[in-house]
Protein backbone atom coordinates (compact mmCIF):
# COMPACT_ATOMS: atom_id res chain seq x y z
CA MET A 1 79.63 84.71 103.81
CA GLU A 2 76.73 84.79 106.18
CA LYS A 3 78.91 85.21 109.27
CA PHE A 4 79.79 88.70 107.96
CA SER A 5 76.20 89.63 107.14
CA GLN A 6 76.30 92.43 109.74
CA PHE A 7 78.69 94.23 107.41
CA ARG A 8 76.15 94.40 104.60
CA ASP A 9 74.51 97.71 103.85
CA ARG A 10 70.90 97.51 105.00
CA GLY A 11 69.50 99.44 102.08
CA SER A 12 71.30 97.77 99.18
CA GLY A 13 72.55 94.50 100.66
CA ILE A 14 76.06 95.31 99.39
CA SER A 15 79.12 94.05 101.30
CA PRO A 16 81.83 96.55 100.27
CA PHE A 17 84.55 95.07 102.50
CA LEU A 18 84.50 91.43 101.41
CA PRO A 19 87.36 90.44 99.05
CA VAL A 20 86.41 89.49 95.49
CA THR A 21 87.30 85.93 94.52
CA THR A 22 87.42 84.31 91.09
CA GLU A 23 87.39 80.59 90.28
CA SER A 24 90.43 79.00 88.68
CA SER A 25 91.21 75.52 87.37
CA LEU A 26 94.36 73.56 88.20
CA PRO A 27 95.99 74.13 84.77
CA ALA A 28 95.23 77.86 85.03
CA THR A 29 96.71 77.99 88.54
CA LEU A 30 99.91 76.33 87.34
CA PHE A 31 100.14 78.80 84.47
CA HIS A 32 99.58 81.69 86.88
CA ALA A 33 102.35 80.36 89.14
CA VAL A 34 104.86 80.23 86.28
CA LEU A 35 103.89 83.73 85.15
CA PHE A 36 104.11 85.00 88.73
CA LEU A 37 107.62 83.60 89.25
CA PHE A 38 108.78 85.08 85.94
CA ARG A 39 107.39 88.56 86.60
CA LEU A 40 108.14 88.90 90.32
CA PRO A 41 111.90 89.65 90.14
CA ILE A 42 111.39 92.03 87.21
CA PHE A 43 108.58 93.85 89.00
CA LEU A 44 110.50 94.13 92.28
CA ALA A 45 113.68 95.37 90.58
CA TYR A 46 111.86 97.95 88.46
CA SER A 47 109.71 99.20 91.37
CA THR A 48 112.74 99.55 93.63
CA ALA A 49 114.71 101.44 91.00
CA TYR A 50 111.84 103.80 90.27
CA PHE A 51 110.71 104.68 93.79
CA LEU A 52 114.19 104.82 95.35
CA VAL A 53 116.06 106.56 92.53
CA LEU A 54 114.20 107.64 89.39
CA HIS A 55 111.18 109.22 91.10
CA HIS A 56 113.43 111.56 93.09
CA LEU A 57 115.50 112.88 90.19
CA PRO A 58 114.78 116.65 90.04
CA PHE A 59 115.54 116.94 86.33
CA LEU A 60 113.24 114.08 85.24
CA PRO A 61 110.59 115.50 82.86
CA THR A 62 106.95 114.80 83.61
CA VAL A 63 106.49 113.03 80.27
CA LEU A 64 109.37 110.65 81.01
CA ARG A 65 108.04 110.03 84.54
CA LYS A 66 104.65 109.07 83.10
CA LEU A 67 106.33 106.78 80.56
CA LEU A 68 108.23 105.03 83.34
CA LEU A 69 105.00 104.53 85.28
CA TRP A 70 103.27 103.08 82.24
CA SER A 71 106.19 100.67 81.89
CA LEU A 72 105.69 99.66 85.51
CA LEU A 73 102.00 99.02 84.80
CA ALA A 74 102.91 96.98 81.73
CA ILE A 75 105.00 94.47 83.69
CA PRO A 76 101.94 92.90 85.42
CA GLY A 77 99.94 93.18 82.20
CA VAL A 78 97.86 96.32 82.80
CA TRP A 79 97.75 96.86 79.06
CA TRP A 80 94.38 98.40 78.36
CA ALA A 81 92.67 101.38 79.88
CA ASP A 82 89.14 102.08 78.62
CA LEU A 83 88.75 105.82 79.22
CA GLN A 84 85.36 107.42 78.63
CA LEU A 85 83.69 110.70 79.58
CA ASP A 86 80.21 110.53 81.09
CA GLY A 87 77.61 111.50 78.49
CA VAL A 88 80.08 111.46 75.57
CA LYS A 89 79.62 108.98 72.73
CA ARG A 90 82.39 106.45 72.21
CA GLY A 91 84.79 107.58 69.50
CA SER A 92 84.22 111.31 70.01
CA LEU A 93 86.56 111.73 72.98
CA SER A 94 89.13 113.70 70.98
CA GLN A 95 86.47 116.22 69.96
CA GLN A 96 85.68 117.24 73.52
CA PRO A 97 87.06 120.47 75.03
CA ARG A 98 89.91 120.22 77.54
CA SER A 99 87.54 121.41 80.26
CA ARG A 100 85.91 117.95 80.23
CA VAL A 101 89.00 116.27 81.67
CA PRO A 102 91.07 117.06 84.78
CA GLN A 103 93.72 119.70 84.18
CA PRO A 104 95.90 121.93 86.39
CA ARG A 105 93.98 123.61 89.25
CA SER A 106 91.29 120.92 89.21
CA ILE A 107 90.52 118.15 91.72
CA ILE A 108 90.04 114.44 91.07
CA ALA A 109 87.65 112.72 93.51
CA ALA A 110 88.30 109.04 92.79
CA ASN A 111 86.91 105.82 94.22
CA PHE A 112 89.44 103.79 96.20
CA THR A 113 89.71 100.06 95.54
CA SER A 114 93.30 99.07 94.71
CA PRO A 115 96.97 100.16 94.76
CA ILE A 116 96.64 100.42 90.99
CA ASP A 117 94.35 103.45 91.45
CA ALA A 118 97.15 105.81 92.48
CA LEU A 119 99.59 104.33 89.96
CA TYR A 120 97.15 104.85 87.08
CA LEU A 121 96.29 108.42 88.12
CA ALA A 122 99.98 109.26 88.38
CA ALA A 123 100.69 107.79 84.93
CA VAL A 124 97.91 109.84 83.32
CA PHE A 125 97.53 113.08 85.31
CA ASP A 126 100.69 113.33 87.49
CA PRO A 127 98.62 114.72 90.40
CA ILE A 128 99.43 115.71 93.97
CA PHE A 129 97.98 113.03 96.25
CA VAL A 130 96.43 113.85 99.61
CA ALA A 131 95.24 111.76 102.54
CA SER A 132 91.86 112.68 104.00
CA HIS A 133 89.85 111.78 107.10
CA PRO A 134 86.10 111.00 107.11
CA ALA A 135 85.51 113.56 109.90
CA SER A 136 87.80 116.41 108.82
CA ARG A 137 88.05 119.07 106.16
CA LYS A 138 91.81 118.98 106.49
CA VAL A 139 94.07 116.94 104.21
CA ARG A 140 97.72 115.93 104.24
CA GLN A 141 99.89 115.88 101.13
CA ILE A 142 101.46 112.45 100.54
CA SER A 143 103.75 110.89 97.96
CA LEU A 144 102.76 108.49 95.20
CA LEU A 145 104.32 105.59 97.09
CA SER A 146 102.35 106.50 100.23
CA ALA A 147 99.14 106.62 98.19
CA ILE A 148 99.89 103.14 96.80
CA LEU A 149 100.74 101.68 100.20
CA ALA A 150 97.61 103.24 101.75
CA ALA A 151 95.47 100.83 99.73
CA LEU A 152 96.80 97.87 101.72
CA SER A 153 98.08 99.35 104.97
CA PRO A 154 95.79 99.84 107.98
CA PRO A 155 95.01 103.55 107.55
CA ALA A 156 95.33 106.07 110.34
CA GLN A 157 91.88 107.23 109.24
CA LEU A 158 90.44 104.28 111.18
CA THR A 159 91.26 106.23 114.35
CA PRO A 160 89.26 109.19 115.76
CA LEU A 161 90.00 112.60 114.29
CA ALA A 162 91.98 113.91 117.27
CA GLU A 163 94.23 110.85 117.24
CA TRP A 164 94.69 111.08 113.47
CA GLU A 165 95.78 114.71 113.75
CA LYS A 166 98.12 113.91 116.63
CA LYS A 167 99.75 111.00 114.79
CA THR A 168 100.08 113.06 111.61
CA GLN A 169 101.84 115.94 113.33
CA ALA A 170 103.97 113.80 115.66
CA GLY A 171 105.02 111.41 112.90
CA GLY A 172 106.35 114.12 110.61
CA GLY A 173 103.83 113.19 107.94
CA GLY A 174 103.44 116.74 106.74
CA GLU A 175 101.30 119.63 107.84
CA LEU A 176 97.53 119.50 107.73
CA THR A 177 96.10 121.86 105.15
CA ASP A 178 93.03 122.09 102.91
CA LEU A 179 92.37 121.86 99.20
CA ARG A 180 92.09 125.63 98.76
CA ALA A 181 95.56 126.26 100.22
CA LEU A 182 97.07 123.32 98.35
CA LEU A 183 95.75 124.51 94.99
CA ALA A 184 97.02 128.02 95.71
CA ARG A 185 100.52 126.65 96.34
CA HIS A 186 100.49 124.40 93.26
CA PRO A 187 98.50 126.17 90.52
CA ASP A 188 100.12 124.03 87.81
CA ARG A 189 99.09 120.66 89.27
CA VAL A 190 96.02 118.45 89.63
CA VAL A 191 95.08 117.31 93.15
CA ALA A 192 93.86 113.73 93.62
CA VAL A 193 91.66 112.79 96.59
CA PHE A 194 90.26 109.42 97.63
CA PRO A 195 87.33 110.85 99.63
CA GLU A 196 86.11 107.44 100.84
CA CYS A 197 89.32 107.40 102.97
CA GLY A 198 89.52 103.59 102.81
CA THR A 199 89.40 100.85 100.19
CA THR A 200 86.36 98.80 99.17
CA ASN A 201 85.83 95.95 96.70
CA GLY A 202 84.34 98.39 94.18
CA ARG A 203 80.72 97.39 94.77
CA GLY A 204 79.87 100.21 97.14
CA ILE A 205 80.72 103.89 97.62
CA LEU A 206 81.34 104.87 101.25
CA PRO A 207 80.26 108.27 102.67
CA LEU A 208 82.64 110.96 101.43
CA SER A 209 85.01 113.09 103.47
CA PRO A 210 84.04 116.75 103.97
CA CYS A 211 87.53 117.75 102.77
CA LEU A 212 85.99 118.30 99.31
CA LEU A 213 84.03 121.21 100.78
CA THR A 214 87.23 123.28 101.02
CA ALA A 215 87.62 123.35 97.23
CA PRO A 216 87.37 126.88 95.81
CA ALA A 217 84.17 127.64 93.91
CA GLU A 218 86.08 128.25 90.67
CA ASN A 219 88.01 124.96 90.70
CA ALA A 220 86.45 121.92 89.05
CA ILE A 221 85.94 118.67 90.95
CA PHE A 222 85.91 115.61 88.67
CA PRO A 223 84.34 112.40 90.04
CA LEU A 224 86.44 109.59 88.53
CA SER A 225 85.65 105.88 88.70
CA MET A 226 88.07 103.01 88.09
CA ARG A 227 86.99 99.38 87.71
CA TYR A 228 89.18 96.39 86.96
CA THR A 229 88.80 93.17 84.99
CA PRO A 230 89.32 90.71 86.59
CA PRO A 231 87.90 92.46 89.67
CA ASP A 232 89.91 90.47 92.22
CA VAL A 233 92.78 93.01 92.30
CA THR A 234 90.67 95.16 94.62
CA THR A 235 92.05 95.23 98.16
CA PRO A 236 89.39 95.75 100.84
CA VAL A 237 91.32 93.42 103.21
CA LEU A 238 94.50 95.02 104.56
CA GLY A 239 97.75 93.76 106.05
CA PHE A 240 100.27 91.11 104.99
CA LYS A 241 97.70 88.61 103.70
CA GLY A 242 96.09 91.36 101.64
CA TRP A 243 99.48 92.27 100.13
CA ALA A 244 100.33 88.63 99.37
CA GLY A 245 96.98 88.00 97.69
CA PHE A 246 97.16 91.22 95.69
CA VAL A 247 100.68 90.61 94.36
CA TRP A 248 99.77 87.02 93.43
CA LYS A 249 96.70 88.11 91.48
CA LEU A 250 98.45 91.11 89.92
CA LEU A 251 101.50 89.23 88.63
CA GLY A 252 99.88 85.84 88.03
CA ARG A 253 97.26 86.87 85.49
CA PRO A 254 98.21 87.52 81.85
CA THR A 255 96.40 90.85 81.57
CA HIS A 256 94.33 93.34 83.55
CA SER A 257 92.07 95.99 82.06
CA VAL A 258 91.07 99.27 83.65
CA ARG A 259 87.69 100.86 82.95
CA VAL A 260 87.90 104.59 83.68
CA ARG A 261 84.88 106.90 83.64
CA ILE A 262 85.03 110.64 84.30
CA ALA A 263 81.87 112.58 85.16
CA GLU A 264 81.16 116.20 84.31
CA ALA A 265 82.86 118.70 86.58
CA VAL A 266 81.17 119.62 89.85
CA TYR A 267 81.73 123.04 91.43
CA ASN A 268 81.58 123.91 95.09
CA THR A 269 78.96 126.64 95.27
CA THR A 270 78.22 126.23 98.98
CA VAL A 271 78.24 129.30 101.17
CA ALA A 272 80.96 128.05 103.50
CA THR A 273 83.66 127.97 100.85
CA ASN A 274 82.71 131.26 99.23
CA GLY A 275 83.34 133.19 102.40
CA ASP A 276 86.21 133.24 104.86
CA PHE A 277 86.74 129.81 106.35
CA HIS A 278 88.16 129.45 109.86
CA TYR A 279 88.93 126.30 111.79
CA PRO A 280 88.24 126.25 115.52
CA PRO A 281 90.69 124.44 117.86
CA SER A 282 90.73 120.69 117.35
CA PRO A 283 89.51 118.38 120.12
CA SER A 284 93.11 117.41 120.89
CA GLU A 285 94.03 121.06 121.39
CA GLU A 286 91.07 121.61 123.69
CA GLY A 287 91.80 118.47 125.68
CA GLY A 288 88.61 116.78 124.56
CA GLY A 289 88.10 113.50 122.79
CA GLY A 290 85.38 114.35 120.29
CA GLU A 291 85.24 113.05 116.76
CA GLY A 292 85.29 116.37 114.96
CA ARG A 293 84.82 120.09 114.94
CA GLY A 294 81.56 121.92 114.59
CA GLU A 295 82.45 123.24 111.14
CA ASP A 296 83.44 119.79 109.92
CA LEU A 297 79.81 118.66 110.01
CA PRO A 298 78.36 119.51 106.59
CA THR A 299 75.37 121.77 106.27
CA ARG A 300 72.39 120.59 104.23
CA GLU A 301 73.66 122.41 101.14
CA GLU A 302 77.17 121.03 101.61
CA GLN A 303 75.82 117.50 102.08
CA GLN A 304 73.96 117.85 98.79
CA LEU A 305 77.29 118.58 97.09
CA LEU A 306 78.90 115.49 98.66
CA ASP A 307 75.85 113.42 97.68
CA ARG A 308 76.12 114.63 94.10
CA ILE A 309 79.76 113.53 93.90
CA GLY A 310 78.97 110.21 95.60
CA GLU A 311 76.08 109.53 93.23
CA ALA A 312 78.32 110.25 90.24
CA LEU A 313 80.94 107.78 91.50
CA ALA A 314 78.27 105.14 92.08
CA ARG A 315 76.71 105.63 88.65
CA LEU A 316 80.03 105.59 86.81
CA GLY A 317 81.26 102.53 88.69
CA ARG A 318 77.93 100.66 88.52
CA ALA A 319 78.01 100.50 92.29
CA LYS A 320 75.70 101.48 95.13
CA ARG A 321 76.13 104.15 97.76
CA VAL A 322 76.27 102.53 101.19
CA GLY A 323 75.87 103.80 104.73
CA LEU A 324 78.77 101.76 106.10
CA THR A 325 81.77 103.76 107.29
CA LEU A 326 85.38 103.14 108.29
CA LYS A 327 84.13 102.35 111.77
CA GLU A 328 82.37 99.28 110.34
CA LYS A 329 85.45 98.49 108.26
CA LYS A 330 87.61 98.46 111.39
CA GLU A 331 85.16 96.04 113.00
CA PHE A 332 85.11 93.94 109.80
CA LEU A 333 88.89 93.67 109.70
CA ALA A 334 88.96 92.51 113.30
CA ALA A 335 86.29 89.88 112.56
CA TRP A 336 88.01 88.81 109.34
CA ALA A 337 91.30 88.24 111.17
CA LYS A 338 89.54 85.86 113.59
CA ARG A 339 87.64 83.85 110.97
């Protein structure tokens, strides 16, 4: 769409915010409608039962919770997940050491394209999800349901940092912390971060949040890419229309496949995280309206670490790194609503 050409990355020509569309014939559309109407009540009933009751049972074993999530994925036909490790030959996955995959006390840095992202990660790794901001090293722990809804809800990350912090604290959304403190409190869990802070259509990787720079030097960071076939279940457009289109495509197609690629672990060897790390007062506390703190701006060495993770996500996902940010996405969403 040429009218949205200003939201193309100048270097690569990629438009990461445009929704992906696929052609369909009339017979196929009728078949999708029948399948959608059959699955919808089952999907709604199962989802409601899980997130309102089963997910909150304290005695529910992790293995059973994962099995229930896989059952939820099976209802819309997410049958097949092609999992591969970067640089490992197909068929030799079982021969690799456990250090090649995320495990407790490690961090998953995943691309963010669809509500299925969080659901798949929960079904495989049972991680702690966090919300991040593109201008802050702080994160906020969120639930699985919040991570799913974030893929289609207008994120608070579209606001300036001071406003994001104020809304987070005033709304009772949990305290702001960092990855080092979170891992110290939960040494038996994996932490999952979507460092792009907002969804794309999977064709571009947005600049990453500096929250990854608070990871301890000894804890592994695993870049993880997820791609879907058909690719139209990605949700770069938010709001009610985005939800309606996503649910139609999710439940109306017979099957969906997930292509998962995990890169080799990256370690934070930057100076800032090896020493004592202190946060100065936020702009809201000082009465200012700036976008971020001095320490939140990465140094050259820290930026190289973020670039390395971003390049791994782009390579694994066969995408391009783009210079567009959530500021451009906010402008895109406003323009898309007026089209």
